[in-house]
Amino acid sequence: MSEHFTPLDINKVKNTQNVINSILLGMLILMTFVLAVFLFVLIRKKVAQPPVRTATTPLISPSPVPTAIPTLVPTPVATASPTLAATVSATFTPALTATPVISSASAR
């Protein structure tokens, strides 16, 4: 293990002044501070503003909509009598029933 050990010369590292890293770190700290102040001012300004009320349009139209009018139409229905004659003929008696038909007032 001691064969691959490279000792650091601390005096050489201490004497080297890395100016570029110091300048960049200072700029980063300054920009962070300016951004924090800027956002603080904007948020305070937005909170102090009164809320803006916008006019909303109704989704339902105020005009009346025609509705469907149900009507009754007679429908003929045939019924068979339960008795059969000797000639196997059934008598049918037609009857009228009311079938509801929906017609729209706007239909042509």
C-alpha atoms as a PDB file:
ATOM      1  CA  MET A   1       0.000   0.000   0.000  1.00  0.00           C
ATOM      2  CA  SER A   2       2.779   2.419   0.796  1.00  0.00           C
ATOM      3  CA  GLU A   3       4.303   1.940  -2.644  1.00  0.00           C
ATOM      4  CA  HIS A   4       1.435   3.774  -4.432  1.00  0.00           C
ATOM      5  CA  PHE A   5       1.092   6.605  -1.912  1.00  0.00           C
ATOM      6  CA  THR A   6       1.654  10.136  -3.230  1.00  0.00           C
ATOM      7  CA  PRO A   7       2.230  12.599  -0.388  1.00  0.00           C
ATOM      8  CA  LEU A   8       0.636  16.045  -0.696  1.00  0.00           C
ATOM      9  CA  ASP A   9       2.781  19.074  -0.212  1.00  0.00           C
ATOM     10  CA  ILE A  10       0.517  21.187   2.018  1.00  0.00           C
ATOM     11  CA  ASN A  11       2.697  24.304   1.723  1.00  0.00           C
ATOM     12  CA  LYS A  12       2.402  24.190  -2.069  1.00  0.00           C
ATOM     13  CA  VAL A  13      -1.415  23.861  -1.872  1.00  0.00           C
ATOM     14  CA  LYS A  14      -1.715  26.683   0.694  1.00  0.00           C
ATOM     15  CA  ASN A  15       0.369  29.088  -1.371  1.00  0.00           C
ATOM     16  CA  THR A  16      -1.650  28.528  -4.553  1.00  0.00           C
ATOM     17  CA  GLN A  17      -4.472  31.069  -4.723  1.00  0.00           C
ATOM     18  CA  ASN A  18      -7.189  30.060  -7.089  1.00  0.00           C
ATOM     19  CA  VAL A  19      -8.645  33.437  -8.016  1.00  0.00           C
ATOM     20  CA  ILE A  20     -11.046  32.189 -10.691  1.00  0.00           C
ATOM     21  CA  ASN A  21     -12.879  29.834  -8.305  1.00  0.00           C
ATOM     22  CA  SER A  22     -13.187  32.578  -5.694  1.00  0.00           C
ATOM     23  CA  ILE A  23     -14.628  35.025  -8.243  1.00  0.00           C
ATOM     24  CA  LEU A  24     -17.138  32.477  -9.544  1.00  0.00           C
ATOM     25  CA  LEU A  25     -18.228  31.509  -6.031  1.00  0.00           C
ATOM     26  CA  GLY A  26     -18.685  35.185  -5.113  1.00  0.00           C
ATOM     27  CA  MET A  27     -20.779  35.797  -8.243  1.00  0.00           C
ATOM     28  CA  LEU A  28     -22.924  32.770  -7.470  1.00  0.00           C
ATOM     29  CA  ILE A  29     -23.590  33.941  -3.912  1.00  0.00           C
ATOM     30  CA  LEU A  30     -24.393  37.473  -5.112  1.00  0.00           C
ATOM     31  CA  MET A  31     -26.782  36.245  -7.823  1.00  0.00           C
ATOM     32  CA  THR A  32     -28.557  33.974  -5.332  1.00  0.00           C
ATOM     33  CA  PHE A  33     -29.029  36.886  -2.930  1.00  0.00           C
ATOM     34  CA  VAL A  34     -30.339  39.190  -5.698  1.00  0.00           C
ATOM     35  CA  LEU A  35     -32.740  36.506  -6.931  1.00  0.00           C
ATOM     36  CA  ALA A  36     -34.088  35.936  -3.405  1.00  0.00           C
ATOM     37  CA  VAL A  37     -34.711  39.670  -2.893  1.00  0.00           C
ATOM     38  CA  PHE A  38     -36.312  39.978  -6.340  1.00  0.00           C
ATOM     39  CA  LEU A  39     -38.706  37.071  -5.726  1.00  0.00           C
ATOM     40  CA  PHE A  40     -39.539  38.375  -2.245  1.00  0.00           C
ATOM     41  CA  VAL A  41     -40.520  41.784  -3.673  1.00  0.00           C
ATOM     42  CA  LEU A  42     -42.599  40.233  -6.471  1.00  0.00           C
ATOM     43  CA  ILE A  43     -44.460  37.916  -4.108  1.00  0.00           C
ATOM     44  CA  ARG A  44     -45.214  40.764  -1.692  1.00  0.00           C
ATOM     45  CA  LYS A  45     -46.494  42.876  -4.588  1.00  0.00           C
ATOM     46  CA  LYS A  46     -48.749  40.050  -5.821  1.00  0.00           C
ATOM     47  CA  VAL A  47     -50.173  39.415  -2.336  1.00  0.00           C
ATOM     48  CA  ALA A  48     -50.937  43.127  -1.873  1.00  0.00           C
ATOM     49  CA  GLN A  49     -52.897  43.293  -5.139  1.00  0.00           C
ATOM     50  CA  PRO A  50     -56.696  43.081  -4.867  1.00  0.00           C
ATOM     51  CA  PRO A  51     -58.151  40.039  -6.634  1.00  0.00           C
ATOM     52  CA  VAL A  52     -59.293  40.653 -10.194  1.00  0.00           C
ATOM     53  CA  ARG A  53     -62.857  39.601 -10.870  1.00  0.00           C
ATOM     54  CA  THR A  54     -63.602  38.587 -14.420  1.00  0.00           C
ATOM     55  CA  ALA A  55     -67.032  38.506 -15.980  1.00  0.00           C
ATOM     56  CA  THR A  56     -68.128  34.958 -16.600  1.00  0.00           C
ATOM     57  CA  THR A  57     -70.479  33.999 -19.371  1.00  0.00           C
ATOM     58  CA  PRO A  58     -73.253  31.573 -18.491  1.00  0.00           C
ATOM     59  CA  LEU A  59     -72.919  28.113 -19.978  1.00  0.00           C
ATOM     60  CA  ILE A  60     -76.693  27.656 -20.190  1.00  0.00           C
ATOM     61  CA  SER A  61     -78.463  29.799 -22.763  1.00  0.00           C
ATOM     62  CA  PRO A  62     -81.235  31.985 -21.331  1.00  0.00           C
ATOM     63  CA  SER A  63     -83.527  31.402 -24.345  1.00  0.00           C
ATOM     64  CA  PRO A  64     -86.215  28.752 -23.928  1.00  0.00           C
ATOM     65  CA  VAL A  65     -85.601  25.457 -25.683  1.00  0.00           C
ATOM     66  CA  PRO A  66     -88.615  23.728 -27.263  1.00  0.00           C
ATOM     67  CA  THR A  67     -89.447  20.418 -25.657  1.00  0.00           C
ATOM     68  CA  ALA A  68     -90.943  17.303 -27.205  1.00  0.00           C
ATOM     69  CA  ILE A  69     -94.721  17.017 -26.982  1.00  0.00           C
ATOM     70  CA  PRO A  70     -96.006  13.445 -26.604  1.00  0.00           C
ATOM     71  CA  THR A  71     -99.086  12.555 -28.689  1.00  0.00           C
ATOM     72  CA  LEU A  72    -101.187   9.394 -28.844  1.00  0.00           C
ATOM     73  CA  VAL A  73    -101.709   7.576 -32.134  1.00  0.00           C
ATOM     74  CA  PRO A  74    -104.201   4.669 -32.305  1.00  0.00           C
ATOM     75  CA  THR A  75    -102.618   1.371 -33.324  1.00  0.00           C
ATOM     76  CA  PRO A  76    -104.788  -1.576 -34.515  1.00  0.00           C
ATOM     77  CA  VAL A  77    -104.184  -4.833 -32.624  1.00  0.00           C
ATOM     78  CA  ALA A  78    -105.670  -8.180 -33.662  1.00  0.00           C
ATOM     79  CA  THR A  79    -106.805 -10.629 -30.961  1.00  0.00           C
ATOM     80  CA  ALA A  80    -107.770 -14.253 -31.493  1.00  0.00           C
ATOM     81  CA  SER A  81    -110.696 -15.902 -29.743  1.00  0.00           C
ATOM     82  CA  PRO A  82    -109.724 -18.973 -27.681  1.00  0.00           C
ATOM     83  CA  THR A  83    -112.364 -21.218 -29.230  1.00  0.00           C
ATOM     84  CA  LEU A  84    -111.767 -22.923 -32.515  1.00  0.00           C
ATOM     85  CA  ALA A  85    -114.509 -24.024 -34.846  1.00  0.00           C
ATOM     86  CA  ALA A  86    -114.673 -27.452 -36.459  1.00  0.00           C
ATOM     87  CA  THR A  87    -113.162 -25.998 -39.609  1.00  0.00           C
ATOM     88  CA  VAL A  88    -110.198 -24.688 -37.583  1.00  0.00           C
ATOM     89  CA  SER A  89    -110.914 -21.043 -38.268  1.00  0.00           C
ATOM     90  CA  ALA A  90    -110.283 -18.437 -35.633  1.00  0.00           C
ATOM     91  CA  THR A  91    -112.146 -15.191 -35.355  1.00  0.00           C
ATOM     92  CA  PHE A  92    -110.030 -12.098 -35.092  1.00  0.00           C
ATOM     93  CA  THR A  93    -111.381  -9.000 -33.437  1.00  0.00           C
ATOM     94  CA  PRO A  94    -109.389  -5.833 -34.152  1.00  0.00           C
ATOM     95  CA  ALA A  95    -108.946  -3.525 -31.178  1.00  0.00           C
ATOM     96  CA  LEU A  96    -107.496  -0.016 -30.998  1.00  0.00           C
ATOM     97  CA  THR A  97    -104.800   0.866 -28.480  1.00  0.00           C
ATOM     98  CA  ALA A  98    -103.009   4.128 -27.908  1.00  0.00           C
ATOM     99  CA  THR A  99     -99.321   4.171 -28.835  1.00  0.00           C
ATOM    100  CA  PRO A 100     -97.416   7.243 -27.625  1.00  0.00           C
ATOM    101  CA  VAL A 101     -95.485   9.083 -30.344  1.00  0.00           C
ATOM    102  CA  ILE A 102     -93.058  11.836 -29.371  1.00  0.00           C
ATOM    103  CA  SER A 103     -92.963  14.719 -31.798  1.00  0.00           C
ATOM    104  CA  SER A 104     -90.686  17.687 -31.406  1.00  0.00           C
ATOM    105  CA  ALA A 105     -92.030  21.207 -31.757  1.00  0.00           C
ATOM    106  CA  SER A 106     -89.014  22.148 -33.864  1.00  0.00           C
ATOM    107  CA  ALA A 107     -89.390  19.167 -36.253  1.00  0.00           C
ATOM    108  CA  ARG A 108     -90.334  20.026 -39.833  1.00  0.00           C
END
